[in-house]
Amino acid sequence: MDVEPYLAEVDAPSARAIDFLDARDLPPPEPLTKTLNILATLDEETVFVQLNDRTPQFLFPKLDDRGFVYNTVEIDEGVLTAIWRP
């Protein structure tokens, strides 16, 4: 899936590399676990994009605690969340 067109909708930095996880078919808590594992090594030149079938509400407090910037938008395919380091 090409997520670049959606980055403008979530105000994510467009000049960075993109790391993508399609979590729509993963049972809970795998989307949260996989996302946190990826974010543990996310560098400042990369935007992580997660596509899920629902809003990842349990992820947001963890992102806040870790100092990430993020934004979520609903699209036809599901819920897209872009996450990056400031």
N, C-alpha and C. Protein backbone atom coordinates (compact mmCIF):
# COMPACT_ATOMS: atom_id res chain seq x y z
N MET A 1 0.84 -1.18 0.00
CA MET A 1 0.00 0.00 0.00
C MET A 1 0.88 1.24 0.00
N ASP A 2 0.54 2.21 -0.81
CA ASP A 2 1.27 3.46 -0.88
C ASP A 2 0.69 4.43 0.15
N VAL A 3 1.42 4.66 1.24
CA VAL A 3 0.92 5.52 2.31
C VAL A 3 1.35 6.97 2.16
N GLU A 4 2.27 7.26 1.25
CA GLU A 4 2.76 8.63 1.10
C GLU A 4 1.66 9.67 0.88
N PRO A 5 0.63 9.38 0.06
CA PRO A 5 -0.42 10.39 -0.12
C PRO A 5 -1.14 10.77 1.17
N TYR A 6 -1.14 9.89 2.14
CA TYR A 6 -1.85 10.15 3.39
C TYR A 6 -1.01 10.93 4.40
N LEU A 7 0.30 11.01 4.19
CA LEU A 7 1.16 11.68 5.16
C LEU A 7 0.80 13.16 5.30
N ALA A 8 0.39 13.79 4.23
CA ALA A 8 -0.01 15.20 4.31
C ALA A 8 -1.26 15.36 5.19
N GLU A 9 -2.15 14.40 5.14
CA GLU A 9 -3.38 14.46 5.94
C GLU A 9 -3.10 14.38 7.44
N VAL A 10 -1.99 13.75 7.81
CA VAL A 10 -1.66 13.60 9.22
C VAL A 10 -0.52 14.53 9.63
N ASP A 11 -0.14 15.45 8.74
CA ASP A 11 0.92 16.43 9.01
C ASP A 11 2.24 15.78 9.40
N ALA A 12 2.52 14.62 8.83
CA ALA A 12 3.79 13.94 9.09
C ALA A 12 4.87 14.51 8.18
N PRO A 13 6.12 14.48 8.63
CA PRO A 13 7.21 14.96 7.78
C PRO A 13 7.28 14.14 6.49
N SER A 14 7.32 14.80 5.36
CA SER A 14 7.28 14.10 4.08
C SER A 14 8.66 13.75 3.53
N ALA A 15 9.70 14.33 4.07
CA ALA A 15 11.05 14.09 3.55
C ALA A 15 11.75 12.92 4.23
N ARG A 16 11.06 12.20 5.07
CA ARG A 16 11.66 11.09 5.81
C ARG A 16 11.32 9.75 5.15
N ALA A 17 12.11 8.75 5.49
CA ALA A 17 11.82 7.38 5.07
C ALA A 17 10.55 6.92 5.78
N ILE A 18 9.89 5.91 5.22
CA ILE A 18 8.66 5.39 5.80
C ILE A 18 8.84 3.92 6.16
N ASP A 19 8.46 3.59 7.39
CA ASP A 19 8.39 2.21 7.84
C ASP A 19 6.91 1.92 8.04
N PHE A 20 6.40 0.84 7.46
CA PHE A 20 4.96 0.59 7.41
C PHE A 20 4.60 -0.76 8.02
N LEU A 21 3.53 -0.78 8.80
CA LEU A 21 2.98 -2.02 9.35
C LEU A 21 1.49 -2.06 9.07
N ASP A 22 1.06 -3.09 8.36
CA ASP A 22 -0.36 -3.34 8.15
C ASP A 22 -0.82 -4.27 9.27
N ALA A 23 -1.51 -3.70 10.24
CA ALA A 23 -1.91 -4.46 11.42
C ALA A 23 -3.37 -4.88 11.41
N ARG A 24 -4.03 -4.69 10.28
CA ARG A 24 -5.48 -4.96 10.22
C ARG A 24 -5.85 -6.40 10.54
N ASP A 25 -5.01 -7.34 10.18
CA ASP A 25 -5.34 -8.75 10.39
C ASP A 25 -4.69 -9.34 11.64
N LEU A 26 -4.00 -8.51 12.41
CA LEU A 26 -3.34 -9.01 13.62
C LEU A 26 -4.30 -8.96 14.81
N PRO A 27 -4.35 -10.04 15.59
CA PRO A 27 -5.23 -10.03 16.77
C PRO A 27 -4.57 -9.22 17.90
N PRO A 28 -5.40 -8.59 18.75
CA PRO A 28 -4.83 -7.88 19.90
C PRO A 28 -4.09 -8.87 20.79
N PRO A 29 -3.01 -8.51 21.40
CA PRO A 29 -2.36 -7.20 21.43
C PRO A 29 -1.21 -7.06 20.42
N GLU A 30 -1.18 -7.90 19.38
CA GLU A 30 -0.05 -7.88 18.45
C GLU A 30 0.20 -6.53 17.79
N PRO A 31 -0.83 -5.78 17.35
CA PRO A 31 -0.53 -4.47 16.76
C PRO A 31 0.23 -3.55 17.72
N LEU A 32 -0.20 -3.52 18.97
CA LEU A 32 0.46 -2.69 19.97
C LEU A 32 1.88 -3.18 20.23
N THR A 33 2.04 -4.47 20.42
CA THR A 33 3.35 -5.04 20.71
C THR A 33 4.32 -4.82 19.56
N LYS A 34 3.90 -5.12 18.35
CA LYS A 34 4.78 -4.95 17.18
C LYS A 34 5.14 -3.48 16.99
N THR A 35 4.15 -2.60 17.14
CA THR A 35 4.41 -1.17 16.98
C THR A 35 5.43 -0.68 18.00
N LEU A 36 5.27 -1.04 19.25
CA LEU A 36 6.21 -0.60 20.28
C LEU A 36 7.61 -1.16 20.05
N ASN A 37 7.70 -2.38 19.56
CA ASN A 37 9.01 -2.96 19.26
C ASN A 37 9.69 -2.21 18.13
N ILE A 38 8.94 -1.84 17.12
CA ILE A 38 9.50 -1.08 15.99
C ILE A 38 9.91 0.31 16.46
N LEU A 39 9.08 0.94 17.27
CA LEU A 39 9.37 2.30 17.72
C LEU A 39 10.59 2.36 18.63
N ALA A 40 10.91 1.27 19.28
CA ALA A 40 12.09 1.25 20.16
C ALA A 40 13.37 1.53 19.38
N THR A 41 13.36 1.27 18.09
CA THR A 41 14.56 1.50 17.28
C THR A 41 14.34 2.54 16.18
N LEU A 42 13.23 3.26 16.22
CA LEU A 42 12.92 4.24 15.19
C LEU A 42 13.88 5.42 15.27
N ASP A 43 14.51 5.74 14.13
CA ASP A 43 15.43 6.87 14.12
C ASP A 43 14.70 8.15 13.74
N GLU A 44 15.42 9.26 13.79
CA GLU A 44 14.81 10.57 13.55
C GLU A 44 14.58 10.87 12.08
N GLU A 45 15.03 9.99 11.19
CA GLU A 45 14.82 10.19 9.75
C GLU A 45 13.69 9.33 9.20
N THR A 46 12.93 8.68 10.08
CA THR A 46 11.89 7.74 9.63
C THR A 46 10.55 8.08 10.26
N VAL A 47 9.51 7.93 9.47
CA VAL A 47 8.13 8.01 9.96
C VAL A 47 7.58 6.59 9.96
N PHE A 48 7.05 6.17 11.08
CA PHE A 48 6.42 4.85 11.17
C PHE A 48 4.92 5.04 10.91
N VAL A 49 4.38 4.21 10.04
CA VAL A 49 2.96 4.29 9.69
C VAL A 49 2.31 2.94 9.97
N GLN A 50 1.27 2.98 10.78
CA GLN A 50 0.52 1.77 11.11
C GLN A 50 -0.87 1.89 10.50
N LEU A 51 -1.31 0.85 9.81
CA LEU A 51 -2.68 0.76 9.32
C LEU A 51 -3.40 -0.29 10.15
N ASN A 52 -4.50 0.12 10.75
CA ASN A 52 -5.23 -0.78 11.64
C ASN A 52 -6.71 -0.76 11.25
N ASP A 53 -7.46 -1.73 11.77
CA ASP A 53 -8.89 -1.77 11.48
C ASP A 53 -9.69 -0.94 12.48
N ARG A 54 -9.01 -0.40 13.48
CA ARG A 54 -9.66 0.45 14.49
C ARG A 54 -8.65 1.46 15.03
N THR A 55 -9.14 2.46 15.71
CA THR A 55 -8.25 3.46 16.32
C THR A 55 -7.43 2.80 17.42
N PRO A 56 -6.12 2.93 17.38
CA PRO A 56 -5.27 2.28 18.38
C PRO A 56 -5.21 3.08 19.69
N GLN A 57 -6.33 3.16 20.38
CA GLN A 57 -6.46 4.02 21.55
C GLN A 57 -5.50 3.66 22.69
N PHE A 58 -5.11 2.40 22.82
CA PHE A 58 -4.19 2.02 23.89
C PHE A 58 -2.75 2.39 23.55
N LEU A 59 -2.50 2.67 22.27
CA LEU A 59 -1.17 3.08 21.83
C LEU A 59 -0.88 4.53 22.19
N PHE A 60 -1.86 5.40 22.12
CA PHE A 60 -1.64 6.83 22.27
C PHE A 60 -0.97 7.23 23.59
N PRO A 61 -1.41 6.72 24.75
CA PRO A 61 -0.73 7.10 26.00
C PRO A 61 0.73 6.64 26.03
N LYS A 62 1.01 5.51 25.40
CA LYS A 62 2.38 5.01 25.36
C LYS A 62 3.25 5.90 24.48
N LEU A 63 2.67 6.42 23.40
CA LEU A 63 3.41 7.35 22.54
C LEU A 63 3.69 8.65 23.28
N ASP A 64 2.70 9.14 24.00
CA ASP A 64 2.88 10.36 24.79
C ASP A 64 3.99 10.18 25.82
N ASP A 65 3.98 9.05 26.51
CA ASP A 65 5.01 8.77 27.53
C ASP A 65 6.41 8.71 26.94
N ARG A 66 6.52 8.28 25.68
CA ARG A 66 7.82 8.11 25.04
C ARG A 66 8.24 9.34 24.22
N GLY A 67 7.39 10.35 24.17
CA GLY A 67 7.75 11.59 23.51
C GLY A 67 7.61 11.60 21.99
N PHE A 68 6.82 10.69 21.43
CA PHE A 68 6.61 10.66 19.99
C PHE A 68 5.55 11.68 19.59
N VAL A 69 5.63 12.12 18.34
CA VAL A 69 4.59 12.92 17.72
C VAL A 69 3.79 11.97 16.85
N TYR A 70 2.48 12.13 16.82
CA TYR A 70 1.65 11.21 16.02
C TYR A 70 0.36 11.88 15.63
N ASN A 71 -0.26 11.31 14.63
CA ASN A 71 -1.57 11.77 14.20
C ASN A 71 -2.27 10.60 13.52
N THR A 72 -3.58 10.58 13.62
CA THR A 72 -4.38 9.49 13.08
C THR A 72 -5.46 10.04 12.17
N VAL A 73 -5.72 9.30 11.09
CA VAL A 73 -6.78 9.68 10.16
C VAL A 73 -7.49 8.41 9.71
N GLU A 74 -8.81 8.50 9.56
CA GLU A 74 -9.57 7.37 9.01
C GLU A 74 -9.53 7.46 7.50
N ILE A 75 -9.23 6.34 6.86
CA ILE A 75 -9.22 6.24 5.41
C ILE A 75 -10.10 5.05 5.01
N ASP A 76 -10.31 4.87 3.73
CA ASP A 76 -11.17 3.77 3.27
C ASP A 76 -10.67 2.41 3.74
N GLU A 77 -9.36 2.25 3.81
CA GLU A 77 -8.77 0.95 4.17
C GLU A 77 -8.75 0.68 5.66
N GLY A 78 -8.98 1.71 6.49
CA GLY A 78 -8.94 1.53 7.94
C GLY A 78 -8.52 2.82 8.64
N VAL A 79 -7.75 2.69 9.70
CA VAL A 79 -7.27 3.83 10.47
C VAL A 79 -5.76 3.89 10.33
N LEU A 80 -5.27 5.02 9.82
CA LEU A 80 -3.85 5.20 9.56
C LEU A 80 -3.27 6.11 10.64
N THR A 81 -2.22 5.64 11.30
CA THR A 81 -1.54 6.42 12.32
C THR A 81 -0.09 6.59 11.91
N ALA A 82 0.34 7.84 11.81
CA ALA A 82 1.74 8.16 11.52
C ALA A 82 2.40 8.58 12.82
N ILE A 83 3.62 8.06 13.05
CA ILE A 83 4.34 8.29 14.30
C ILE A 83 5.77 8.67 13.95
N TRP A 84 6.30 9.71 14.60
CA TRP A 84 7.68 10.10 14.32
C TRP A 84 8.28 10.78 15.55
N ARG A 85 9.60 10.86 15.52
CA ARG A 85 10.32 11.58 16.57
C ARG A 85 10.37 13.06 16.19
N PRO A 86 10.19 13.95 17.17
CA PRO A 86 10.24 15.38 16.85
C PRO A 86 11.63 15.83 16.44
